[in-house]
PDB file of N, CA and C in Angstrom:
ATOM      1  N   UNK A   1    -111.715 -92.488  69.237  1.00  0.00           N
ATOM      2  CA  UNK A   1    -111.812 -92.086  68.125  1.00  0.00           C
ATOM      3  C   UNK A   1    -110.788 -92.358  67.240  1.00  0.00           C
ATOM      4  N   UNK A   2    -111.063 -92.718  66.249  1.00  0.00           N
ATOM      5  CA  UNK A   2    -110.066 -93.383  64.919  1.00  0.00           C
ATOM      6  C   UNK A   2    -108.979 -92.069  64.973  1.00  0.00           C
ATOM      7  N   UNK A   3    -107.824 -92.728  64.252  1.00  0.00           N
ATOM      8  CA  UNK A   3    -107.009 -91.477  64.663  1.00  0.00           C
ATOM      9  C   UNK A   3    -107.029 -90.920  62.937  1.00  0.00           C
ATOM     10  N   UNK A   4    -106.632 -89.792  63.021  1.00  0.00           N
ATOM     11  CA  UNK A   4    -106.298 -88.797  61.950  1.00  0.00           C
ATOM     12  C   UNK A   4    -107.490 -87.987  62.085  1.00  0.00           C
ATOM     13  N   UNK A   5    -108.777 -87.378  63.194  1.00  0.00           N
ATOM     14  CA  UNK A   5    -109.358 -87.063  63.501  1.00  0.00           C
ATOM     15  C   UNK A   5    -108.580 -86.013  64.605  1.00  0.00           C
ATOM     16  N   UNK A   6    -108.245 -84.228  64.049  1.00  0.00           N
ATOM     17  CA  UNK A   6    -107.583 -83.051  64.830  1.00  0.00           C
ATOM     18  C   UNK A   6    -109.144 -82.362  65.451  1.00  0.00           C
ATOM     19  N   UNK A   7    -107.714 -81.731  66.592  1.00  0.00           N
ATOM     20  CA  UNK A   7    -109.280 -80.817  67.155  1.00  0.00           C
ATOM     21  C   UNK A   7    -109.672 -79.624  66.679  1.00  0.00           C
ATOM     22  N   UNK A   8    -108.952 -78.865  65.834  1.00  0.00           N
ATOM     23  CA  UNK A   8    -109.211 -78.409  64.847  1.00  0.00           C
ATOM     24  C   UNK A   8    -110.634 -78.220  63.395  1.00  0.00           C
ATOM     25  N   UNK A   9    -109.889 -78.681  62.689  1.00  0.00           N
ATOM     26  CA  UNK A   9    -111.154 -79.672  62.307  1.00  0.00           C
ATOM     27  C   UNK A   9    -112.127 -79.898  63.042  1.00  0.00           C
ATOM     28  N   UNK A  10    -112.456 -80.368  64.197  1.00  0.00           N
ATOM     29  CA  UNK A  10    -113.467 -81.063  65.429  1.00  0.00           C
ATOM     30  C   UNK A  10    -113.949 -79.318  65.022  1.00  0.00           C
ATOM     31  N   UNK A  11    -113.106 -78.991  65.217  1.00  0.00           N
ATOM     32  CA  UNK A  11    -114.399 -77.452  66.415  1.00  0.00           C
ATOM     33  C   UNK A  11    -114.803 -77.035  65.064  1.00  0.00           C
ATOM     34  N   UNK A  12    -114.359 -76.381  63.199  1.00  0.00           N
ATOM     35  CA  UNK A  12    -114.572 -75.775  62.628  1.00  0.00           C
ATOM     36  C   UNK A  12    -116.019 -76.714  61.907  1.00  0.00           C
ATOM     37  N   UNK A  13    -115.340 -78.262  61.846  1.00  0.00           N
ATOM     38  CA  UNK A  13    -116.940 -78.889  61.525  1.00  0.00           C
ATOM     39  C   UNK A  13    -118.493 -78.332  62.844  1.00  0.00           C
ATOM     40  N   UNK A  14    -117.438 -78.405  63.830  1.00  0.00           N
ATOM     41  CA  UNK A  14    -118.525 -78.154  64.802  1.00  0.00           C
ATOM     42  C   UNK A  14    -119.114 -76.952  64.711  1.00  0.00           C
ATOM     43  N   UNK A  15    -119.155 -75.743  64.355  1.00  0.00           N
ATOM     44  CA  UNK A  15    -119.157 -74.489  63.906  1.00  0.00           C
ATOM     45  C   UNK A  15    -120.309 -74.385  63.050  1.00  0.00           C
ATOM     46  N   UNK A  16    -119.922 -75.037  61.937  1.00  0.00           N
ATOM     47  CA  UNK A  16    -121.086 -75.667  61.085  1.00  0.00           C
ATOM     48  C   UNK A  16    -122.312 -76.302  61.484  1.00  0.00           C
ATOM     49  N   UNK A  17    -121.413 -77.091  61.905  1.00  0.00           N
ATOM     50  CA  UNK A  17    -122.974 -78.287  61.941  1.00  0.00           C
ATOM     51  C   UNK A  17    -123.869 -77.255  63.226  1.00  0.00           C
ATOM     52  N   UNK A  18    -123.379 -76.829  64.048  1.00  0.00           N
ATOM     53  CA  UNK A  18    -124.436 -75.646  64.794  1.00  0.00           C
ATOM     54  C   UNK A  18    -124.497 -74.590  64.031  1.00  0.00           C
ATOM     55  N   UNK A  19    -124.548 -74.265  62.868  1.00  0.00           N
ATOM     56  CA  UNK A  19    -125.069 -73.162  62.054  1.00  0.00           C
ATOM     57  C   UNK A  19    -125.959 -73.477  61.572  1.00  0.00           C
ATOM     58  N   UNK A  20    -125.493 -74.763  60.922  1.00  0.00           N
ATOM     59  CA  UNK A  20    -126.923 -75.331  59.746  1.00  0.00           C
ATOM     60  C   UNK A  20    -128.252 -76.102  60.861  1.00  0.00           C
ATOM     61  N   UNK A  21    -127.784 -76.100  61.616  1.00  0.00           N
ATOM     62  CA  UNK A  21    -128.787 -76.527  62.913  1.00  0.00           C
ATOM     63  C   UNK A  21    -129.660 -75.657  63.166  1.00  0.00           C
ATOM     64  N   UNK A  22    -129.203 -74.334  63.372  1.00  0.00           N
ATOM     65  CA  UNK A  22    -130.100 -72.823  63.348  1.00  0.00           C
ATOM     66  C   UNK A  22    -131.130 -72.817  62.363  1.00  0.00           C
ATOM     67  N   UNK A  23    -129.909 -72.568  60.898  1.00  0.00           N
ATOM     68  CA  UNK A  23    -130.794 -72.149  59.755  1.00  0.00           C
ATOM     69  C   UNK A  23    -131.971 -73.102  59.718  1.00  0.00           C
ATOM     70  N   UNK A  24    -131.638 -74.518  59.928  1.00  0.00           N
ATOM     71  CA  UNK A  24    -132.932 -75.393  60.298  1.00  0.00           C
ATOM     72  C   UNK A  24    -133.831 -75.323  60.521  1.00  0.00           C
ATOM     73  N   UNK A  25    -133.492 -75.017  62.067  1.00  0.00           N
ATOM     74  CA  UNK A  25    -134.674 -75.114  62.970  1.00  0.00           C
ATOM     75  C   UNK A  25    -135.176 -73.648  62.862  1.00  0.00           C
ATOM     76  N   UNK A  26    -134.486 -72.165  62.677  1.00  0.00           N
ATOM     77  CA  UNK A  26    -134.500 -71.136  62.974  1.00  0.00           C
ATOM     78  C   UNK A  26    -134.447 -70.026  61.809  1.00  0.00           C
ATOM     79  N   UNK A  27    -134.500 -70.392  60.599  1.00  0.00           N
ATOM     80  CA  UNK A  27    -133.922 -69.133  59.962  1.00  0.00           C
ATOM     81  C   UNK A  27    -134.217 -67.925  59.555  1.00  0.00           C
ATOM     82  N   UNK A  28    -135.259 -67.840  60.432  1.00  0.00           N
ATOM     83  CA  UNK A  28    -136.143 -66.503  60.099  1.00  0.00           C
ATOM     84  C   UNK A  28    -135.190 -65.183  61.679  1.00  0.00           C
ATOM     85  N   UNK A  29    -134.844 -66.809  62.377  1.00  0.00           N
ATOM     86  CA  UNK A  29    -133.587 -66.089  63.582  1.00  0.00           C
ATOM     87  C   UNK A  29    -132.537 -65.777  63.358  1.00  0.00           C
ATOM     88  N   UNK A  30    -131.932 -66.357  62.587  1.00  0.00           N
ATOM     89  CA  UNK A  30    -130.311 -66.164  62.006  1.00  0.00           C
ATOM     90  C   UNK A  30    -130.899 -64.820  60.641  1.00  0.00           C
ATOM     91  N   UNK A  31    -131.793 -65.151  59.733  1.00  0.00           N
ATOM     92  CA  UNK A  31    -131.511 -63.588  59.076  1.00  0.00           C
ATOM     93  C   UNK A  31    -131.788 -62.628  59.856  1.00  0.00           C
ATOM     94  N   UNK A  32    -132.325 -62.078  60.969  1.00  0.00           N
ATOM     95  CA  UNK A  32    -132.945 -60.776  61.967  1.00  0.00           C
ATOM     96  C   UNK A  32    -131.253 -61.230  62.415  1.00  0.00           C
ATOM     97  N   UNK A  33    -130.613 -61.597  62.984  1.00  0.00           N
ATOM     98  CA  UNK A  33    -129.850 -61.838  63.681  1.00  0.00           C
ATOM     99  C   UNK A  33    -128.716 -61.324  62.564  1.00  0.00           C
ATOM    100  N   UNK A  34    -128.505 -61.737  61.556  1.00  0.00           N
ATOM    101  CA  UNK A  34    -126.771 -61.771  60.482  1.00  0.00           C
ATOM    102  C   UNK A  34    -126.883 -60.802  59.667  1.00  0.00           C
ATOM    103  N   UNK A  35    -128.255 -60.401  59.152  1.00  0.00           N
ATOM    104  CA  UNK A  35    -128.189 -60.151  57.652  1.00  0.00           C
ATOM    105  C   UNK A  35    -129.822 -59.373  57.683  1.00  0.00           C
ATOM    106  N   UNK A  36    -130.525 -58.379  58.557  1.00  0.00           N
ATOM    107  CA  UNK A  36    -131.451 -57.752  58.576  1.00  0.00           C
ATOM    108  C   UNK A  36    -130.636 -56.328  58.604  1.00  0.00           C
ATOM    109  N   UNK A  37    -130.095 -56.494  58.706  1.00  0.00           N
ATOM    110  CA  UNK A  37    -129.066 -54.391  58.641  1.00  0.00           C
ATOM    111  C   UNK A  37    -128.878 -54.663  57.877  1.00  0.00           C
ATOM    112  N   UNK A  38    -128.851 -54.959  56.484  1.00  0.00           N
ATOM    113  CA  UNK A  38    -128.446 -54.810  55.329  1.00  0.00           C
ATOM    114  C   UNK A  38    -128.910 -55.062  54.258  1.00  0.00           C
ATOM    115  N   UNK A  39    -130.601 -55.217  54.800  1.00  0.00           N
ATOM    116  CA  UNK A  39    -131.726 -55.242  53.536  1.00  0.00           C
ATOM    117  C   UNK A  39    -133.296 -53.865  54.033  1.00  0.00           C
ATOM    118  N   UNK A  40    -134.170 -54.141  53.259  1.00  0.00           N
ATOM    119  CA  UNK A  40    -134.889 -52.949  53.332  1.00  0.00           C
ATOM    120  C   UNK A  40    -136.298 -53.213  53.597  1.00  0.00           C
ATOM    121  N   UNK A  41    -136.719 -55.073  53.206  1.00  0.00           N
ATOM    122  CA  UNK A  41    -137.885 -55.533  53.984  1.00  0.00           C
ATOM    123  C   UNK A  41    -137.112 -56.743  53.562  1.00  0.00           C
ATOM    124  N   UNK A  42    -138.380 -57.596  54.363  1.00  0.00           N
ATOM    125  CA  UNK A  42    -138.407 -59.011  54.909  1.00  0.00           C
ATOM    126  C   UNK A  42    -138.146 -59.543  53.513  1.00  0.00           C
ATOM    127  N   UNK A  43    -136.619 -60.704  53.469  1.00  0.00           N
ATOM    128  CA  UNK A  43    -137.186 -61.435  51.897  1.00  0.00           C
ATOM    129  C   UNK A  43    -138.319 -62.384  51.827  1.00  0.00           C
ATOM    130  N   UNK A  44    -138.545 -62.807  51.135  1.00  0.00           N
ATOM    131  CA  UNK A  44    -139.934 -64.060  50.605  1.00  0.00           C
ATOM    132  C   UNK A  44    -139.860 -65.341  51.323  1.00  0.00           C
ATOM    133  N   UNK A  45    -140.816 -66.537  51.718  1.00  0.00           N
ATOM    134  CA  UNK A  45    -140.861 -67.866  52.289  1.00  0.00           C
ATOM    135  C   UNK A  45    -139.663 -68.447  51.337  1.00  0.00           C
ATOM    136  N   UNK A  46    -139.766 -68.377  50.177  1.00  0.00           N
ATOM    137  CA  UNK A  46    -138.935 -68.837  49.907  1.00  0.00           C
ATOM    138  C   UNK A  46    -137.401 -69.299  50.337  1.00  0.00           C
ATOM    139  N   UNK A  47    -137.248 -67.725  50.097  1.00  0.00           N
ATOM    140  CA  UNK A  47    -135.493 -67.299  51.055  1.00  0.00           C
ATOM    141  C   UNK A  47    -135.560 -68.465  52.017  1.00  0.00           C
ATOM    142  N   UNK A  48    -136.504 -68.118  52.601  1.00  0.00           N
ATOM    143  CA  UNK A  48    -136.281 -68.752  54.086  1.00  0.00           C
ATOM    144  C   UNK A  48    -136.222 -70.346  54.184  1.00  0.00           C
ATOM    145  N   UNK A  49    -137.027 -70.907  52.944  1.00  0.00           N
ATOM    146  CA  UNK A  49    -136.724 -71.945  52.682  1.00  0.00           C
ATOM    147  C   UNK A  49    -135.257 -72.504  52.504  1.00  0.00           C
ATOM    148  N   UNK A  50    -135.053 -71.824  51.399  1.00  0.00           N
ATOM    149  CA  UNK A  50    -133.580 -72.190  50.749  1.00  0.00           C
ATOM    150  C   UNK A  50    -132.451 -72.377  52.014  1.00  0.00           C
ATOM    151  N   UNK A  51    -132.482 -71.234  53.105  1.00  0.00           N
ATOM    152  CA  UNK A  51    -131.981 -71.881  54.293  1.00  0.00           C
ATOM    153  C   UNK A  51    -131.950 -72.652  55.134  1.00  0.00           C
ATOM    154  N   UNK A  52    -133.786 -73.637  54.977  1.00  0.00           N
ATOM    155  CA  UNK A  52    -133.519 -73.713  56.003  1.00  0.00           C
ATOM    156  C   UNK A  52    -133.115 -75.547  55.132  1.00  0.00           C
ATOM    157  N   UNK A  53    -133.103 -76.111  53.602  1.00  0.00           N
ATOM    158  CA  UNK A  53    -132.349 -76.278  52.937  1.00  0.00           C
ATOM    159  C   UNK A  53    -131.335 -76.729  53.086  1.00  0.00           C
ATOM    160  N   UNK A  54    -130.363 -75.291  53.121  1.00  0.00           N
ATOM    161  CA  UNK A  54    -129.090 -75.632  52.844  1.00  0.00           C
ATOM    162  C   UNK A  54    -128.615 -75.768  54.166  1.00  0.00           C
ATOM    163  N   UNK A  55    -128.921 -75.349  55.729  1.00  0.00           N
ATOM    164  CA  UNK A  55    -128.996 -76.167  57.481  1.00  0.00           C
ATOM    165  C   UNK A  55    -128.746 -77.333  57.480  1.00  0.00           C
ATOM    166  N   UNK A  56    -129.719 -77.628  56.170  1.00  0.00           N
ATOM    167  CA  UNK A  56    -129.566 -79.635  56.622  1.00  0.00           C
ATOM    168  C   UNK A  56    -128.751 -80.163  56.149  1.00  0.00           C
ATOM    169  N   UNK A  57    -128.505 -79.823  54.911  1.00  0.00           N
ATOM    170  CA  UNK A  57    -127.488 -79.909  53.763  1.00  0.00           C
ATOM    171  C   UNK A  57    -126.296 -80.190  54.261  1.00  0.00           C
ATOM    172  N   UNK A  58    -125.984 -78.752  55.172  1.00  0.00           N
ATOM    173  CA  UNK A  58    -125.133 -78.521  55.623  1.00  0.00           C
ATOM    174  C   UNK A  58    -124.643 -79.559  56.523  1.00  0.00           C
ATOM    175  N   UNK A  59    -125.671 -79.806  57.042  1.00  0.00           N
ATOM    176  CA  UNK A  59    -125.461 -81.110  58.647  1.00  0.00           C
ATOM    177  C   UNK A  59    -125.063 -82.029  58.348  1.00  0.00           C
ATOM    178  N   UNK A  60    -125.531 -82.295  56.882  1.00  0.00           N
ATOM    179  CA  UNK A  60    -126.199 -83.761  56.348  1.00  0.00           C
ATOM    180  C   UNK A  60    -124.084 -83.816  56.093  1.00  0.00           C
ATOM    181  N   UNK A  61    -123.233 -82.936  55.689  1.00  0.00           N
ATOM    182  CA  UNK A  61    -122.351 -82.892  54.931  1.00  0.00           C
ATOM    183  C   UNK A  61    -121.762 -83.505  55.616  1.00  0.00           C
ATOM    184  N   UNK A  62    -121.446 -81.951  56.978  1.00  0.00           N
ATOM    185  CA  UNK A  62    -120.392 -82.329  58.304  1.00  0.00           C
ATOM    186  C   UNK A  62    -120.734 -83.314  58.909  1.00  0.00           C
ATOM    187  N   UNK A  63    -121.776 -84.089  59.109  1.00  0.00           N
ATOM    188  CA  UNK A  63    -121.737 -85.485  59.737  1.00  0.00           C
ATOM    189  C   UNK A  63    -121.201 -86.411  59.112  1.00  0.00           C
ATOM    190  N   UNK A  64    -121.331 -86.570  57.769  1.00  0.00           N
ATOM    191  CA  UNK A  64    -120.769 -87.498  56.412  1.00  0.00           C
ATOM    192  C   UNK A  64    -119.447 -87.074  56.606  1.00  0.00           C
ATOM    193  N   UNK A  65    -118.228 -85.693  56.810  1.00  0.00           N
ATOM    194  CA  UNK A  65    -117.435 -85.832  57.144  1.00  0.00           C
ATOM    195  C   UNK A  65    -116.776 -86.278  57.971  1.00  0.00           C
ATOM    196  N   UNK A  66    -117.187 -86.432  59.341  1.00  0.00           N
ATOM    197  CA  UNK A  66    -117.488 -86.566  60.429  1.00  0.00           C
ATOM    198  C   UNK A  66    -117.351 -88.448  60.447  1.00  0.00           C
ATOM    199  N   UNK A  67    -117.809 -89.079  59.626  1.00  0.00           N
ATOM    200  CA  UNK A  67    -118.443 -90.499  60.443  1.00  0.00           C
ATOM    201  C   UNK A  67    -117.278 -91.286  59.080  1.00  0.00           C
ATOM    202  N   UNK A  68    -116.641 -90.604  58.103  1.00  0.00           N
ATOM    203  CA  UNK A  68    -115.907 -91.301  57.334  1.00  0.00           C
ATOM    204  C   UNK A  68    -115.096 -92.242  57.414  1.00  0.00           C
ATOM    205  N   UNK A  69    -113.982 -91.254  59.172  1.00  0.00           N
ATOM    206  CA  UNK A  69    -112.865 -92.548  58.896  1.00  0.00           C
ATOM    207  C   UNK A  69    -113.745 -93.749  59.706  1.00  0.00           C
ATOM    208  N   UNK A  70    -114.887 -93.362  60.451  1.00  0.00           N
ATOM    209  CA  UNK A  70    -115.374 -94.418  61.183  1.00  0.00           C
ATOM    210  C   UNK A  70    -115.582 -95.248  61.102  1.00  0.00           C
ATOM    211  N   UNK A  71    -116.010 -95.172  59.207  1.00  0.00           N
ATOM    212  CA  UNK A  71    -116.403 -96.377  58.816  1.00  0.00           C
ATOM    213  C   UNK A  71    -115.443 -96.549  57.902  1.00  0.00           C
ATOM    214  N   UNK A  72    -114.624 -95.709  57.799  1.00  0.00           N
ATOM    215  CA  UNK A  72    -113.335 -96.508  56.984  1.00  0.00           C
ATOM    216  C   UNK A  72    -112.592 -97.324  57.715  1.00  0.00           C
ATOM    217  N   UNK A  73    -112.539 -97.023  59.072  1.00  0.00           N
ATOM    218  CA  UNK A  73    -111.239 -97.657  59.746  1.00  0.00           C
ATOM    219  C   UNK A  73    -112.232 -98.682  60.468  1.00  0.00           C
ATOM    220  N   UNK A  74    -113.378 -99.009  60.434  1.00  0.00           N
ATOM    221  CA  UNK A  74    -114.396-100.659  60.509  1.00  0.00           C
ATOM    222  C   UNK A  74    -114.129-101.993  59.671  1.00  0.00           C
ATOM    223  N   UNK A  75    -113.002-101.528  58.537  1.00  0.00           N
ATOM    224  CA  UNK A  75    -113.065-102.155  57.322  1.00  0.00           C
ATOM    225  C   UNK A  75    -112.329-103.514  58.006  1.00  0.00           C
TER     226      UNK A  75
END
């Protein structure tokens, strides 16, 4: 593992990655688990598509941040 990668940021990035993965796979389940208690009705399909896209973007950003030190050390 390259220098500069610490345990705490890895844990935070891991949690963000898992959250993004769950949002990408099943945004409806994530909504029911964390946000359904404060809603009067289920949101539209556009909302769930936006959650899915944001989950994919979160995974891509975290993957890029985790792989950045590796690619910089190869030069």
